[in-house]
């Protein structure tokens, strides 16, 4: 909402061209918006983590009433990985931050997203947080495919110039994606 674009004589907010990016009002609102966003993006996961840790220390994390209210946040993870929702939220926030901050530079954006995906994949492989092995395998497959797609998007020119480039990109994503899916399905059977 605060992305500026050059107009004929001024820089204006892309979503609201009547608002000048050089105005005092824009600067104040942008600062307030960023502060509130950071407070929410950082504060919410920290509050959630604190609540989960407190529940575990107080020994009511796995009680029926607590599971009924908050179980969706942790019941699918191994008991020693009850906090994994926090790890997931941090990963998502990092991805959104990379896309938002670097959206004007496609190569840098996809490079940082690729690095974030690689780190997420390593953390997942080390943590194996899910109680179900199939869920761990599916998450590994998805993170691997995300990493592959972002690495390809970093390396390839954009927009793709020819139909053969588009077909090649589709094949480069489809073939490994199909192989990963076949692996996971085959592992389950």
C-alpha atoms as a PDB file:
ATOM      1  CA  UNK A   1       0.000   0.000   0.000  1.00  0.00           C
ATOM      2  CA  UNK A   2       2.976   2.327   0.419  1.00  0.00           C
ATOM      3  CA  UNK A   3       4.780   1.578  -2.853  1.00  0.00           C
ATOM      4  CA  UNK A   4       5.656   4.771  -4.677  1.00  0.00           C
ATOM      5  CA  UNK A   5       5.800   5.245  -8.429  1.00  0.00           C
ATOM      6  CA  UNK A   6       6.963   8.224 -10.459  1.00  0.00           C
ATOM      7  CA  UNK A   7       4.158  10.276 -11.950  1.00  0.00           C
ATOM      8  CA  UNK A   8       4.511  13.197 -14.339  1.00  0.00           C
ATOM      9  CA  UNK A   9       5.709  15.722 -11.757  1.00  0.00           C
ATOM     10  CA  UNK A  10       5.740  13.859  -8.445  1.00  0.00           C
ATOM     11  CA  UNK A  11       6.181  10.498  -6.784  1.00  0.00           C
ATOM     12  CA  UNK A  12       2.785   9.070  -5.769  1.00  0.00           C
ATOM     13  CA  UNK A  13       1.457   6.045  -3.917  1.00  0.00           C
ATOM     14  CA  UNK A  14       0.767   3.339  -6.492  1.00  0.00           C
ATOM     15  CA  UNK A  15      -2.513   2.216  -4.905  1.00  0.00           C
ATOM     16  CA  UNK A  16      -3.682   5.813  -4.246  1.00  0.00           C
ATOM     17  CA  UNK A  17      -2.269   8.174  -6.902  1.00  0.00           C
ATOM     18  CA  UNK A  18      -3.846  11.194  -5.187  1.00  0.00           C
ATOM     19  CA  UNK A  19      -1.381  10.779  -2.292  1.00  0.00           C
ATOM     20  CA  UNK A  20       2.090  12.242  -2.785  1.00  0.00           C
ATOM     21  CA  UNK A  21       5.025  10.223  -1.431  1.00  0.00           C
ATOM     22  CA  UNK A  22       6.726  13.499  -0.547  1.00  0.00           C
ATOM     23  CA  UNK A  23       3.977  14.684   1.789  1.00  0.00           C
ATOM     24  CA  UNK A  24       4.339  14.850   5.574  1.00  0.00           C
ATOM     25  CA  UNK A  25       1.138  12.839   5.981  1.00  0.00           C
ATOM     26  CA  UNK A  26       2.542   9.974   3.875  1.00  0.00           C
ATOM     27  CA  UNK A  27       5.781   9.907   5.872  1.00  0.00           C
ATOM     28  CA  UNK A  28       3.945   9.858   9.216  1.00  0.00           C
ATOM     29  CA  UNK A  29       1.441   7.209   8.149  1.00  0.00           C
ATOM     30  CA  UNK A  30       4.171   5.052   6.616  1.00  0.00           C
ATOM     31  CA  UNK A  31       6.201   5.175   9.829  1.00  0.00           C
ATOM     32  CA  UNK A  32       3.148   4.327  11.940  1.00  0.00           C
ATOM     33  CA  UNK A  33       2.151   1.514   9.584  1.00  0.00           C
ATOM     34  CA  UNK A  34       5.639  -0.026   9.651  1.00  0.00           C
ATOM     35  CA  UNK A  35       5.803   0.227  13.458  1.00  0.00           C
ATOM     36  CA  UNK A  36       2.402  -1.469  13.879  1.00  0.00           C
ATOM     37  CA  UNK A  37       3.260  -4.116  11.316  1.00  0.00           C
ATOM     38  CA  UNK A  38       6.543  -4.933  13.034  1.00  0.00           C
ATOM     39  CA  UNK A  39       4.829  -5.021  16.413  1.00  0.00           C
ATOM     40  CA  UNK A  40       2.229  -7.449  15.068  1.00  0.00           C
ATOM     41  CA  UNK A  41       4.616  -9.594  12.990  1.00  0.00           C
ATOM     42  CA  UNK A  42       7.164  -9.906  15.791  1.00  0.00           C
ATOM     43  CA  UNK A  43       4.837  -9.645  18.791  1.00  0.00           C
ATOM     44  CA  UNK A  44       2.209 -12.209  17.830  1.00  0.00           C
ATOM     45  CA  UNK A  45       4.585 -15.147  17.351  1.00  0.00           C
ATOM     46  CA  UNK A  46       6.490 -14.222  20.524  1.00  0.00           C
ATOM     47  CA  UNK A  47       3.265 -14.075  22.550  1.00  0.00           C
ATOM     48  CA  UNK A  48       2.223 -17.428  21.073  1.00  0.00           C
ATOM     49  CA  UNK A  49       5.614 -18.968  21.899  1.00  0.00           C
ATOM     50  CA  UNK A  50       5.487 -17.583  25.428  1.00  0.00           C
ATOM     51  CA  UNK A  51       2.013 -18.986  25.936  1.00  0.00           C
ATOM     52  CA  UNK A  52       3.023 -22.427  24.683  1.00  0.00           C
ATOM     53  CA  UNK A  53       6.155 -22.520  26.835  1.00  0.00           C
ATOM     54  CA  UNK A  54       4.151 -21.401  29.882  1.00  0.00           C
ATOM     55  CA  UNK A  55       1.538 -24.100  29.209  1.00  0.00           C
ATOM     56  CA  UNK A  56       4.236 -26.734  28.958  1.00  0.00           C
ATOM     57  CA  UNK A  57       5.987 -25.598  32.151  1.00  0.00           C
ATOM     58  CA  UNK A  58       2.640 -25.489  33.983  1.00  0.00           C
ATOM     59  CA  UNK A  59       2.026 -29.017  32.695  1.00  0.00           C
ATOM     60  CA  UNK A  60      -1.328 -28.421  31.055  1.00  0.00           C
ATOM     61  CA  UNK A  61      -0.265 -28.389  27.412  1.00  0.00           C
ATOM     62  CA  UNK A  62      -1.722 -31.860  26.813  1.00  0.00           C
ATOM     63  CA  UNK A  63      -4.849 -31.564  29.007  1.00  0.00           C
ATOM     64  CA  UNK A  64      -8.186 -32.000  27.213  1.00  0.00           C
ATOM     65  CA  UNK A  65      -9.471 -28.454  27.770  1.00  0.00           C
ATOM     66  CA  UNK A  66      -6.206 -26.892  26.576  1.00  0.00           C
ATOM     67  CA  UNK A  67      -6.045 -29.221  23.572  1.00  0.00           C
ATOM     68  CA  UNK A  68      -9.613 -28.310  22.651  1.00  0.00           C
ATOM     69  CA  UNK A  69      -8.846 -24.587  22.710  1.00  0.00           C
ATOM     70  CA  UNK A  70      -5.266 -24.404  21.427  1.00  0.00           C
ATOM     71  CA  UNK A  71      -4.403 -27.875  20.166  1.00  0.00           C
ATOM     72  CA  UNK A  72      -4.346 -26.781  16.508  1.00  0.00           C
ATOM     73  CA  UNK A  73      -1.163 -24.844  17.307  1.00  0.00           C
ATOM     74  CA  UNK A  74       0.870 -27.845  18.497  1.00  0.00           C
ATOM     75  CA  UNK A  75      -0.891 -31.220  18.538  1.00  0.00           C
ATOM     76  CA  UNK A  76       0.473 -32.359  15.167  1.00  0.00           C
ATOM     77  CA  UNK A  77       4.058 -31.870  16.314  1.00  0.00           C
ATOM     78  CA  UNK A  78       6.136 -34.195  18.453  1.00  0.00           C
ATOM     79  CA  UNK A  79       5.868 -33.334  22.132  1.00  0.00           C
ATOM     80  CA  UNK A  80       9.422 -31.990  22.237  1.00  0.00           C
ATOM     81  CA  UNK A  81       8.638 -29.809  19.169  1.00  0.00           C
ATOM     82  CA  UNK A  82       5.444 -28.240  20.590  1.00  0.00           C
ATOM     83  CA  UNK A  83       6.813 -24.779  19.661  1.00  0.00           C
ATOM     84  CA  UNK A  84       7.192 -25.522  15.908  1.00  0.00           C
ATOM     85  CA  UNK A  85       4.350 -23.182  14.948  1.00  0.00           C
ATOM     86  CA  UNK A  86       6.693 -20.385  16.039  1.00  0.00           C
ATOM     87  CA  UNK A  87       9.408 -21.686  13.678  1.00  0.00           C
ATOM     88  CA  UNK A  88       6.847 -21.805  10.862  1.00  0.00           C
ATOM     89  CA  UNK A  89       5.691 -18.233  11.518  1.00  0.00           C
ATOM     90  CA  UNK A  90       9.278 -16.953  11.579  1.00  0.00           C
ATOM     91  CA  UNK A  91       9.948 -18.698   8.249  1.00  0.00           C
ATOM     92  CA  UNK A  92       6.833 -17.182   6.692  1.00  0.00           C
ATOM     93  CA  UNK A  93       7.647 -13.724   8.029  1.00  0.00           C
ATOM     94  CA  UNK A  94      11.171 -13.991   6.590  1.00  0.00           C
ATOM     95  CA  UNK A  95       9.789 -14.981   3.183  1.00  0.00           C
ATOM     96  CA  UNK A  96       7.234 -12.157   3.186  1.00  0.00           C
ATOM     97  CA  UNK A  97       9.898  -9.657   4.283  1.00  0.00           C
ATOM     98  CA  UNK A  98      12.240 -10.755   1.492  1.00  0.00           C
ATOM     99  CA  UNK A  99       9.507 -10.460  -1.135  1.00  0.00           C
ATOM    100  CA  UNK A 100       8.261  -7.131   0.198  1.00  0.00           C
ATOM    101  CA  UNK A 101      11.601  -5.418   0.711  1.00  0.00           C
ATOM    102  CA  UNK A 102      13.265  -6.736  -2.439  1.00  0.00           C
ATOM    103  CA  UNK A 103      10.293  -6.688  -4.816  1.00  0.00           C
ATOM    104  CA  UNK A 104      11.982  -4.087  -7.043  1.00  0.00           C
ATOM    105  CA  UNK A 105      14.993  -6.346  -7.652  1.00  0.00           C
ATOM    106  CA  UNK A 106      13.809  -9.730  -8.918  1.00  0.00           C
ATOM    107  CA  UNK A 107      17.207 -11.460  -8.786  1.00  0.00           C
ATOM    108  CA  UNK A 108      17.929 -10.383  -5.205  1.00  0.00           C
ATOM    109  CA  UNK A 109      14.392 -11.239  -4.122  1.00  0.00           C
ATOM    110  CA  UNK A 110      14.530 -14.787  -5.493  1.00  0.00           C
ATOM    111  CA  UNK A 111      18.081 -15.232  -4.190  1.00  0.00           C
ATOM    112  CA  UNK A 112      17.019 -14.349  -0.631  1.00  0.00           C
ATOM    113  CA  UNK A 113      13.869 -16.467  -0.903  1.00  0.00           C
ATOM    114  CA  UNK A 114      16.012 -19.383  -2.106  1.00  0.00           C
ATOM    115  CA  UNK A 115      18.408 -18.954   0.829  1.00  0.00           C
ATOM    116  CA  UNK A 116      15.464 -18.751   3.251  1.00  0.00           C
ATOM    117  CA  UNK A 117      13.979 -21.924   1.757  1.00  0.00           C
ATOM    118  CA  UNK A 118      17.309 -23.761   2.014  1.00  0.00           C
ATOM    119  CA  UNK A 119      17.651 -22.743   5.672  1.00  0.00           C
ATOM    120  CA  UNK A 120      14.035 -23.788   6.310  1.00  0.00           C
ATOM    121  CA  UNK A 121      14.684 -27.148   4.678  1.00  0.00           C
ATOM    122  CA  UNK A 122      17.804 -27.749   6.796  1.00  0.00           C
ATOM    123  CA  UNK A 123      15.986 -26.747   9.999  1.00  0.00           C
ATOM    124  CA  UNK A 124      13.084 -29.032   9.081  1.00  0.00           C
ATOM    125  CA  UNK A 125      15.366 -31.971   8.298  1.00  0.00           C
ATOM    126  CA  UNK A 126      17.176 -31.528  11.598  1.00  0.00           C
ATOM    127  CA  UNK A 127      13.975 -31.044  13.596  1.00  0.00           C
ATOM    128  CA  UNK A 128      11.583 -33.533  11.944  1.00  0.00           C
ATOM    129  CA  UNK A 129       8.783 -31.895  13.949  1.00  0.00           C
ATOM    130  CA  UNK A 130       5.672 -33.814  12.898  1.00  0.00           C
ATOM    131  CA  UNK A 131       4.395 -36.879  14.738  1.00  0.00           C
ATOM    132  CA  UNK A 132       3.495 -38.429  11.401  1.00  0.00           C
ATOM    133  CA  UNK A 133       6.464 -39.495   9.236  1.00  0.00           C
ATOM    134  CA  UNK A 134       4.411 -38.857   6.081  1.00  0.00           C
ATOM    135  CA  UNK A 135       3.912 -35.230   7.119  1.00  0.00           C
ATOM    136  CA  UNK A 136       7.659 -34.869   7.621  1.00  0.00           C
ATOM    137  CA  UNK A 137       8.256 -36.314   4.143  1.00  0.00           C
ATOM    138  CA  UNK A 138       5.611 -34.066   2.573  1.00  0.00           C
ATOM    139  CA  UNK A 139       7.088 -30.968   4.210  1.00  0.00           C
ATOM    140  CA  UNK A 140      10.549 -31.996   2.993  1.00  0.00           C
ATOM    141  CA  UNK A 141       9.170 -32.431  -0.537  1.00  0.00           C
ATOM    142  CA  UNK A 142       7.390 -29.060  -0.504  1.00  0.00           C
ATOM    143  CA  UNK A 143      10.396 -27.167   0.861  1.00  0.00           C
ATOM    144  CA  UNK A 144      12.671 -28.876  -1.687  1.00  0.00           C
ATOM    145  CA  UNK A 145      10.334 -27.969  -4.533  1.00  0.00           C
ATOM    146  CA  UNK A 146      10.015 -24.358  -3.311  1.00  0.00           C
ATOM    147  CA  UNK A 147      13.796 -24.108  -3.185  1.00  0.00           C
ATOM    148  CA  UNK A 148      14.143 -25.538  -6.691  1.00  0.00           C
ATOM    149  CA  UNK A 149      11.522 -23.185  -8.149  1.00  0.00           C
ATOM    150  CA  UNK A 150      13.088 -20.126  -6.519  1.00  0.00           C
ATOM    151  CA  UNK A 151      16.566 -21.139  -7.657  1.00  0.00           C
ATOM    152  CA  UNK A 152      15.245 -21.496 -11.221  1.00  0.00           C
ATOM    153  CA  UNK A 153      13.477 -18.149 -11.017  1.00  0.00           C
ATOM    154  CA  UNK A 154      16.768 -16.586  -9.910  1.00  0.00           C
ATOM    155  CA  UNK A 155      18.680 -18.086 -12.830  1.00  0.00           C
ATOM    156  CA  UNK A 156      16.183 -17.638 -15.668  1.00  0.00           C
ATOM    157  CA  UNK A 157      15.455 -14.376 -17.487  1.00  0.00           C
ATOM    158  CA  UNK A 158      12.057 -12.861 -16.837  1.00  0.00           C
ATOM    159  CA  UNK A 159       9.692 -12.626 -18.525  1.00  0.00           C
ATOM    160  CA  UNK A 160      10.351 -15.815 -20.433  1.00  0.00           C
ATOM    161  CA  UNK A 161      10.880 -14.797 -24.041  1.00  0.00           C
ATOM    162  CA  UNK A 162       9.681 -17.851 -25.951  1.00  0.00           C
ATOM    163  CA  UNK A 163       7.228 -20.695 -25.633  1.00  0.00           C
ATOM    164  CA  UNK A 164      10.144 -23.129 -25.474  1.00  0.00           C
ATOM    165  CA  UNK A 165      11.529 -21.268 -22.434  1.00  0.00           C
ATOM    166  CA  UNK A 166       8.100 -21.420 -20.796  1.00  0.00           C
ATOM    167  CA  UNK A 167       7.805 -25.139 -21.608  1.00  0.00           C
ATOM    168  CA  UNK A 168      11.326 -25.761 -20.324  1.00  0.00           C
ATOM    169  CA  UNK A 169      10.547 -23.965 -17.069  1.00  0.00           C
ATOM    170  CA  UNK A 170       7.355 -25.994 -16.668  1.00  0.00           C
ATOM    171  CA  UNK A 171       9.289 -29.226 -17.285  1.00  0.00           C
ATOM    172  CA  UNK A 172      12.019 -28.223 -14.824  1.00  0.00           C
ATOM    173  CA  UNK A 173       9.364 -27.742 -12.140  1.00  0.00           C
ATOM    174  CA  UNK A 174       7.023 -30.591 -13.133  1.00  0.00           C
ATOM    175  CA  UNK A 175       9.594 -33.399 -13.397  1.00  0.00           C
ATOM    176  CA  UNK A 176      11.233 -32.921  -9.962  1.00  0.00           C
ATOM    177  CA  UNK A 177       7.822 -32.157  -8.434  1.00  0.00           C
ATOM    178  CA  UNK A 178       6.416 -35.389  -9.828  1.00  0.00           C
ATOM    179  CA  UNK A 179       9.464 -37.310  -8.635  1.00  0.00           C
ATOM    180  CA  UNK A 180       9.108 -35.890  -5.112  1.00  0.00           C
ATOM    181  CA  UNK A 181       5.401 -36.669  -5.055  1.00  0.00           C
ATOM    182  CA  UNK A 182       6.054 -40.212  -6.307  1.00  0.00           C
ATOM    183  CA  UNK A 183       8.693 -40.665  -3.620  1.00  0.00           C
ATOM    184  CA  UNK A 184       6.330 -39.552  -0.871  1.00  0.00           C
ATOM    185  CA  UNK A 185       3.423 -41.658  -2.171  1.00  0.00           C
ATOM    186  CA  UNK A 186       5.723 -44.662  -2.646  1.00  0.00           C
ATOM    187  CA  UNK A 187       7.164 -44.210   0.834  1.00  0.00           C
ATOM    188  CA  UNK A 188       3.691 -44.323   2.367  1.00  0.00           C
ATOM    189  CA  UNK A 189       2.666 -47.565   0.624  1.00  0.00           C
END
